[in-house]
Each structure stands twice: as structure tokens, then as C-alpha cells.
Amino acid sequence: MLEARESINTFAVAMETKLRIKDDDLGTNGWLHDETSIEFLVDRLKEEVEELLEVFNDCKPNSMKEECIDVANFAMMIYDRISKRK
């Protein structure tokens, strides 16, 4: 198996940590529910990118880190949904 780079491992842990916050409300794979469409996830990804650009323009590094995690999580959800399509 391919060994991940340290920066990828660190980022993946941050992504997982953020996802777990919503597990009680949405479940561990909430993005796979029928009512959560790919279109919805793409719209949310766009919103998160806008939020990232906003904090970037305001020079808020800690907020940028949090928004990067949100962007990555929505991108992962889209990737996962597409991967599971038959």
C-alpha cells in the first residue's frame, strides 16, 4: 500500500475530526443518503469555496485552514457518491 505523506495524513485527520462532529445528526455517511444529491453537494462545495475566498481576502489563516477542511470534505463526498454509482 502507498504510504501517505505526513501533510496528507495530518489533513485527513482534520477532515475526519470535522466530519465526526456531525455524525450524531447525519450519520457516518450522510452524504450517501438518497435525499443528499450530488447537485446539493456541488452547491455546498461552491459555498465553501466562497467562504474560503472570503477569509483569504480578510487574511485570516486559522479560518482559512477550517474552510480548506470544509472544501475538501465536500469534494470527498462528491467523489465518494460518484464512485458508488452503479
Protein backbone atom coordinates (compact mmCIF):
# COMPACT_ATOMS: atom_id res chain seq x y z
CA MET A 1 0.00 0.00 0.00
CA LEU A 2 1.16 3.51 -0.78
CA GLU A 3 2.37 5.40 2.27
CA ALA A 4 0.77 8.83 2.53
CA ARG A 5 2.78 11.96 3.05
CA GLU A 6 2.75 13.49 6.53
CA SER A 7 0.85 16.56 5.30
CA ILE A 8 -1.84 14.33 3.77
CA ASN A 9 -2.19 12.32 6.97
CA THR A 10 -2.48 15.49 9.04
CA PHE A 11 -5.09 16.91 6.67
CA ALA A 12 -7.04 13.62 6.58
CA VAL A 13 -7.21 13.57 10.38
CA ALA A 14 -8.51 17.16 10.35
CA MET A 15 -11.14 16.17 7.76
CA GLU A 16 -12.24 13.14 9.80
CA THR A 17 -12.36 15.19 13.01
CA LYS A 18 -14.66 17.74 11.35
CA LEU A 19 -16.90 15.03 9.86
CA ARG A 20 -17.32 13.31 13.23
CA ILE A 21 -18.85 16.48 14.69
CA LYS A 22 -21.95 15.84 12.52
CA ASP A 23 -22.11 12.05 12.93
CA ASP A 24 -24.82 12.14 15.61
CA ASP A 25 -27.07 14.26 13.38
CA LEU A 26 -26.28 12.91 9.91
CA GLY A 27 -24.72 9.50 10.44
CA THR A 28 -21.26 8.39 9.37
CA ASN A 29 -22.05 8.53 5.64
CA GLY A 30 -24.79 11.14 5.49
CA TRP A 31 -23.78 12.23 2.00
CA LEU A 32 -24.80 8.79 0.65
CA HIS A 33 -28.47 9.15 1.62
CA ASP A 34 -30.86 9.35 -1.32
CA GLU A 35 -32.03 12.82 -0.31
CA THR A 36 -28.46 14.15 -0.45
CA SER A 37 -27.97 14.62 -4.17
CA ILE A 38 -24.70 15.26 -5.96
CA GLU A 39 -26.17 18.60 -7.07
CA PHE A 40 -26.71 19.54 -3.41
CA LEU A 41 -23.12 18.56 -2.57
CA VAL A 42 -21.75 20.56 -5.50
CA ASP A 43 -23.75 23.61 -4.38
CA ARG A 44 -22.37 23.21 -0.85
CA LEU A 45 -18.85 22.87 -2.25
CA LYS A 46 -19.30 26.17 -4.12
CA GLU A 47 -20.49 27.84 -0.90
CA GLU A 48 -17.46 26.54 0.97
CA VAL A 49 -15.10 27.78 -1.75
CA GLU A 50 -16.72 31.22 -1.47
CA GLU A 51 -16.21 31.14 2.30
CA LEU A 52 -12.57 30.17 1.77
CA LEU A 53 -12.05 33.08 -0.62
CA GLU A 54 -13.69 35.44 1.84
CA VAL A 55 -11.38 34.54 4.73
CA PHE A 56 -8.42 34.53 2.35
CA ASN A 57 -9.22 38.10 1.35
CA ASP A 58 -9.53 39.01 5.04
CA CYS A 59 -6.12 37.39 5.76
CA LYS A 60 -7.44 35.01 8.44
CA PRO A 61 -5.11 31.98 8.38
CA ASN A 62 -6.89 29.92 11.06
CA SER A 63 -10.24 30.42 9.36
CA MET A 64 -8.63 29.53 6.04
CA LYS A 65 -7.50 26.21 7.48
CA GLU A 66 -11.02 25.43 8.65
CA GLU A 67 -12.53 26.36 5.28
CA CYS A 68 -9.95 24.21 3.45
CA ILE A 69 -11.17 21.27 5.51
CA ASP A 70 -14.79 22.03 4.58
CA VAL A 71 -13.91 22.30 0.87
CA ALA A 72 -12.01 19.02 1.00
CA ASN A 73 -14.81 17.22 2.83
CA PHE A 74 -17.42 18.23 0.28
CA ALA A 75 -15.09 17.28 -2.57
CA MET A 76 -14.59 13.89 -0.89
CA MET A 77 -18.33 13.41 -0.53
CA ILE A 78 -18.86 14.10 -4.23
CA TYR A 79 -16.04 11.74 -5.16
CA ASP A 80 -17.47 9.05 -2.89
CA ARG A 81 -21.02 9.42 -4.29
CA ILE A 82 -19.74 9.19 -7.87
CA SER A 83 -17.54 6.19 -7.00
CA LYS A 84 -20.51 4.30 -5.55
CA ARG A 85 -22.84 4.86 -8.54
CA LYS A 86 -23.70 1.72 -10.44
